[in-house]
Amino acid sequence: MDRLTTFGAVAVTVMMVSYALEARDRAFVLLFAAACVAASIYGFMAGTWPFGVVEGVWALVAFRRWQQRPARGVDDKAQPVP
């Protein structure tokens, strides 16, 4: 297995693991976005530009989800101050 294939396999593996753990912490959402960027880079380097484009879009979607997800410990049901 060459370095490029190894890079792609690691990127996709990190994507799967971080996606499975997203419910535990928002950091996994950010890790998923970073892994999507890596998979996108792999796609372009391997000459499969459609894969690179799709993974780039997934990275943007995941980054947006990370931005919108509340930080850990933030109480969404806090009572407003009168």
N, C-alpha and C. Protein backbone atom coordinates (compact mmCIF):
# COMPACT_ATOMS: atom_id res chain seq x y z
N MET A 1 0.85 -1.17 0.00
CA MET A 1 0.00 0.00 0.00
C MET A 1 0.90 1.24 0.00
N ASP A 2 0.64 2.15 -0.91
CA ASP A 2 1.47 3.36 -0.99
C ASP A 2 1.00 4.42 0.02
N ARG A 3 1.74 5.49 0.14
CA ARG A 3 1.44 6.54 1.13
C ARG A 3 0.10 7.22 0.87
N LEU A 4 -0.23 7.46 -0.37
CA LEU A 4 -1.49 8.12 -0.70
C LEU A 4 -2.68 7.26 -0.28
N THR A 5 -2.61 5.97 -0.56
CA THR A 5 -3.69 5.06 -0.17
C THR A 5 -3.80 4.99 1.35
N THR A 6 -2.67 4.96 2.03
CA THR A 6 -2.68 4.94 3.49
C THR A 6 -3.31 6.21 4.04
N PHE A 7 -2.95 7.35 3.47
CA PHE A 7 -3.52 8.64 3.87
C PHE A 7 -5.04 8.62 3.71
N GLY A 8 -5.53 8.15 2.57
CA GLY A 8 -6.96 8.08 2.32
C GLY A 8 -7.67 7.13 3.27
N ALA A 9 -7.05 5.98 3.54
CA ALA A 9 -7.66 5.01 4.45
C ALA A 9 -7.75 5.57 5.87
N VAL A 10 -6.72 6.27 6.30
CA VAL A 10 -6.73 6.88 7.64
C VAL A 10 -7.80 7.97 7.70
N ALA A 11 -7.88 8.80 6.68
CA ALA A 11 -8.88 9.88 6.65
C ALA A 11 -10.29 9.33 6.76
N VAL A 12 -10.60 8.31 5.99
CA VAL A 12 -11.94 7.74 6.00
C VAL A 12 -12.22 7.01 7.32
N THR A 13 -11.21 6.38 7.89
CA THR A 13 -11.39 5.71 9.18
C THR A 13 -11.68 6.72 10.28
N VAL A 14 -10.95 7.83 10.29
CA VAL A 14 -11.20 8.88 11.28
C VAL A 14 -12.59 9.47 11.08
N MET A 15 -13.01 9.62 9.83
CA MET A 15 -14.36 10.10 9.55
C MET A 15 -15.40 9.19 10.18
N MET A 16 -15.26 7.89 9.98
CA MET A 16 -16.26 6.95 10.50
C MET A 16 -16.29 6.96 12.02
N VAL A 17 -15.14 6.94 12.65
CA VAL A 17 -15.08 6.90 14.11
C VAL A 17 -15.64 8.19 14.70
N SER A 18 -15.22 9.33 14.16
CA SER A 18 -15.70 10.61 14.70
C SER A 18 -17.19 10.79 14.46
N TYR A 19 -17.70 10.32 13.34
CA TYR A 19 -19.13 10.41 13.07
C TYR A 19 -19.92 9.57 14.08
N ALA A 20 -19.39 8.39 14.40
CA ALA A 20 -20.06 7.52 15.37
C ALA A 20 -20.07 8.13 16.77
N LEU A 21 -19.09 8.97 17.08
CA LEU A 21 -18.96 9.55 18.42
C LEU A 21 -19.49 10.98 18.53
N GLU A 22 -20.09 11.51 17.47
CA GLU A 22 -20.55 12.90 17.46
C GLU A 22 -21.50 13.24 18.60
N ALA A 23 -22.33 12.30 19.02
CA ALA A 23 -23.30 12.59 20.08
C ALA A 23 -22.63 12.81 21.43
N ARG A 24 -21.42 12.35 21.60
CA ARG A 24 -20.72 12.46 22.88
C ARG A 24 -20.18 13.87 23.15
N ASP A 25 -19.70 14.53 22.12
CA ASP A 25 -19.10 15.85 22.32
C ASP A 25 -18.99 16.55 20.98
N ARG A 26 -19.12 17.86 21.01
CA ARG A 26 -19.05 18.62 19.75
C ARG A 26 -17.65 18.58 19.15
N ALA A 27 -16.64 18.23 19.93
CA ALA A 27 -15.28 18.10 19.39
C ALA A 27 -15.21 17.03 18.31
N PHE A 28 -16.05 16.00 18.43
CA PHE A 28 -16.06 14.96 17.41
C PHE A 28 -16.66 15.46 16.10
N VAL A 29 -17.54 16.44 16.18
CA VAL A 29 -18.08 17.06 14.96
C VAL A 29 -16.96 17.82 14.24
N LEU A 30 -16.15 18.54 15.01
CA LEU A 30 -15.02 19.26 14.42
C LEU A 30 -13.99 18.27 13.86
N LEU A 31 -13.74 17.18 14.57
CA LEU A 31 -12.83 16.16 14.06
C LEU A 31 -13.36 15.55 12.77
N PHE A 32 -14.67 15.33 12.71
CA PHE A 32 -15.28 14.82 11.48
C PHE A 32 -15.06 15.79 10.33
N ALA A 33 -15.23 17.09 10.59
CA ALA A 33 -15.01 18.09 9.54
C ALA A 33 -13.56 18.06 9.06
N ALA A 34 -12.62 17.96 9.99
CA ALA A 34 -11.20 17.90 9.61
C ALA A 34 -10.89 16.64 8.80
N ALA A 35 -11.49 15.52 9.19
CA ALA A 35 -11.29 14.28 8.46
C ALA A 35 -11.89 14.37 7.06
N CYS A 36 -13.00 15.09 6.92
CA CYS A 36 -13.59 15.31 5.59
C CYS A 36 -12.66 16.13 4.71
N VAL A 37 -12.00 17.12 5.31
CA VAL A 37 -11.02 17.92 4.56
C VAL A 37 -9.90 17.01 4.08
N ALA A 38 -9.41 16.15 4.98
CA ALA A 38 -8.34 15.22 4.60
C ALA A 38 -8.79 14.28 3.49
N ALA A 39 -10.02 13.79 3.58
CA ALA A 39 -10.54 12.90 2.54
C ALA A 39 -10.71 13.65 1.22
N SER A 40 -11.07 14.91 1.30
CA SER A 40 -11.19 15.73 0.09
C SER A 40 -9.82 15.90 -0.57
N ILE A 41 -8.82 16.18 0.24
CA ILE A 41 -7.46 16.30 -0.29
C ILE A 41 -7.04 14.99 -0.95
N TYR A 42 -7.33 13.90 -0.26
CA TYR A 42 -7.02 12.58 -0.83
C TYR A 42 -7.71 12.41 -2.20
N GLY A 43 -8.99 12.76 -2.26
CA GLY A 43 -9.72 12.61 -3.51
C GLY A 43 -9.08 13.36 -4.67
N PHE A 44 -8.68 14.59 -4.42
CA PHE A 44 -8.04 15.37 -5.49
C PHE A 44 -6.66 14.81 -5.84
N MET A 45 -5.90 14.40 -4.83
CA MET A 45 -4.57 13.86 -5.09
C MET A 45 -4.63 12.52 -5.82
N ALA A 46 -5.68 11.74 -5.56
CA ALA A 46 -5.83 10.44 -6.20
C ALA A 46 -6.42 10.56 -7.61
N GLY A 47 -6.83 11.78 -7.97
CA GLY A 47 -7.39 11.99 -9.30
C GLY A 47 -8.88 11.70 -9.38
N THR A 48 -9.53 11.57 -8.25
CA THR A 48 -10.98 11.35 -8.24
C THR A 48 -11.65 12.62 -7.74
N TRP A 49 -11.64 13.63 -8.61
CA TRP A 49 -12.11 14.95 -8.20
C TRP A 49 -13.57 14.97 -7.73
N PRO A 50 -14.48 14.12 -8.26
CA PRO A 50 -15.85 14.16 -7.71
C PRO A 50 -15.86 13.80 -6.22
N PHE A 51 -15.06 12.82 -5.83
CA PHE A 51 -14.94 12.45 -4.41
C PHE A 51 -14.38 13.62 -3.62
N GLY A 52 -13.39 14.29 -4.17
CA GLY A 52 -12.81 15.45 -3.50
C GLY A 52 -13.81 16.56 -3.30
N VAL A 53 -14.64 16.81 -4.28
CA VAL A 53 -15.66 17.86 -4.18
C VAL A 53 -16.71 17.50 -3.13
N VAL A 54 -17.20 16.28 -3.17
CA VAL A 54 -18.24 15.85 -2.23
C VAL A 54 -17.71 15.90 -0.79
N GLU A 55 -16.51 15.43 -0.58
CA GLU A 55 -15.94 15.47 0.77
C GLU A 55 -15.70 16.91 1.22
N GLY A 56 -15.36 17.79 0.30
CA GLY A 56 -15.21 19.20 0.65
C GLY A 56 -16.54 19.81 1.10
N VAL A 57 -17.61 19.45 0.42
CA VAL A 57 -18.94 19.93 0.80
C VAL A 57 -19.30 19.38 2.18
N TRP A 58 -19.03 18.09 2.42
CA TRP A 58 -19.31 17.49 3.73
C TRP A 58 -18.52 18.21 4.82
N ALA A 59 -17.29 18.61 4.52
CA ALA A 59 -16.49 19.33 5.50
C ALA A 59 -17.16 20.66 5.87
N LEU A 60 -17.67 21.37 4.88
CA LEU A 60 -18.36 22.64 5.15
C LEU A 60 -19.63 22.42 5.97
N VAL A 61 -20.39 21.38 5.64
CA VAL A 61 -21.61 21.07 6.38
C VAL A 61 -21.27 20.72 7.83
N ALA A 62 -20.27 19.90 8.02
CA ALA A 62 -19.88 19.48 9.38
C ALA A 62 -19.35 20.67 10.19
N PHE A 63 -18.57 21.54 9.54
CA PHE A 63 -18.06 22.71 10.25
C PHE A 63 -19.21 23.61 10.68
N ARG A 64 -20.19 23.76 9.84
CA ARG A 64 -21.37 24.57 10.17
C ARG A 64 -22.14 23.94 11.34
N ARG A 65 -22.27 22.60 11.32
CA ARG A 65 -22.93 21.92 12.44
C ARG A 65 -22.16 22.11 13.74
N TRP A 66 -20.83 22.09 13.65
CA TRP A 66 -20.01 22.31 14.84
C TRP A 66 -20.23 23.72 15.39
N GLN A 67 -20.31 24.71 14.50
CA GLN A 67 -20.53 26.09 14.94
C GLN A 67 -21.88 26.25 15.63
N GLN A 68 -22.89 25.58 15.16
CA GLN A 68 -24.24 25.74 15.68
C GLN A 68 -24.52 24.89 16.92
N ARG A 69 -23.70 23.90 17.17
CA ARG A 69 -23.94 23.03 18.33
C ARG A 69 -23.43 23.72 19.59
N PRO A 70 -24.25 23.74 20.65
CA PRO A 70 -23.83 24.41 21.88
C PRO A 70 -22.63 23.70 22.52
N ALA A 71 -21.82 24.50 23.20
CA ALA A 71 -20.66 23.94 23.89
C ALA A 71 -21.12 23.05 25.03
N ARG A 72 -20.29 22.10 25.38
CA ARG A 72 -20.61 21.17 26.47
C ARG A 72 -20.78 21.94 27.77
N GLY A 73 -21.81 21.59 28.51
CA GLY A 73 -22.06 22.24 29.78
C GLY A 73 -22.98 23.44 29.67
N VAL A 74 -23.33 23.82 28.46
CA VAL A 74 -24.26 24.93 28.27
C VAL A 74 -25.67 24.39 28.45
N ASP A 75 -26.42 25.00 29.35
CA ASP A 75 -27.77 24.55 29.63
C ASP A 75 -28.74 25.26 28.69
N ASP A 76 -29.29 24.51 27.76
CA ASP A 76 -30.23 25.08 26.78
C ASP A 76 -31.56 25.47 27.41
N LYS A 77 -31.86 24.94 28.58
CA LYS A 77 -33.16 25.18 29.20
C LYS A 77 -33.04 26.12 30.40
N ALA A 78 -32.02 26.94 30.39
CA ALA A 78 -31.83 27.87 31.49
C ALA A 78 -32.98 28.88 31.51
N GLN A 79 -33.40 29.25 32.69
CA GLN A 79 -34.48 30.21 32.86
C GLN A 79 -33.96 31.62 32.59
N PRO A 80 -34.73 32.41 31.86
CA PRO A 80 -34.30 33.80 31.61
C PRO A 80 -34.29 34.61 32.91
N VAL A 81 -33.40 35.55 32.99
CA VAL A 81 -33.30 36.42 34.14
C VAL A 81 -34.35 37.51 34.00
N PRO A 82 -35.22 37.71 35.03
CA PRO A 82 -36.29 38.72 34.92
C PRO A 82 -35.75 40.14 34.93
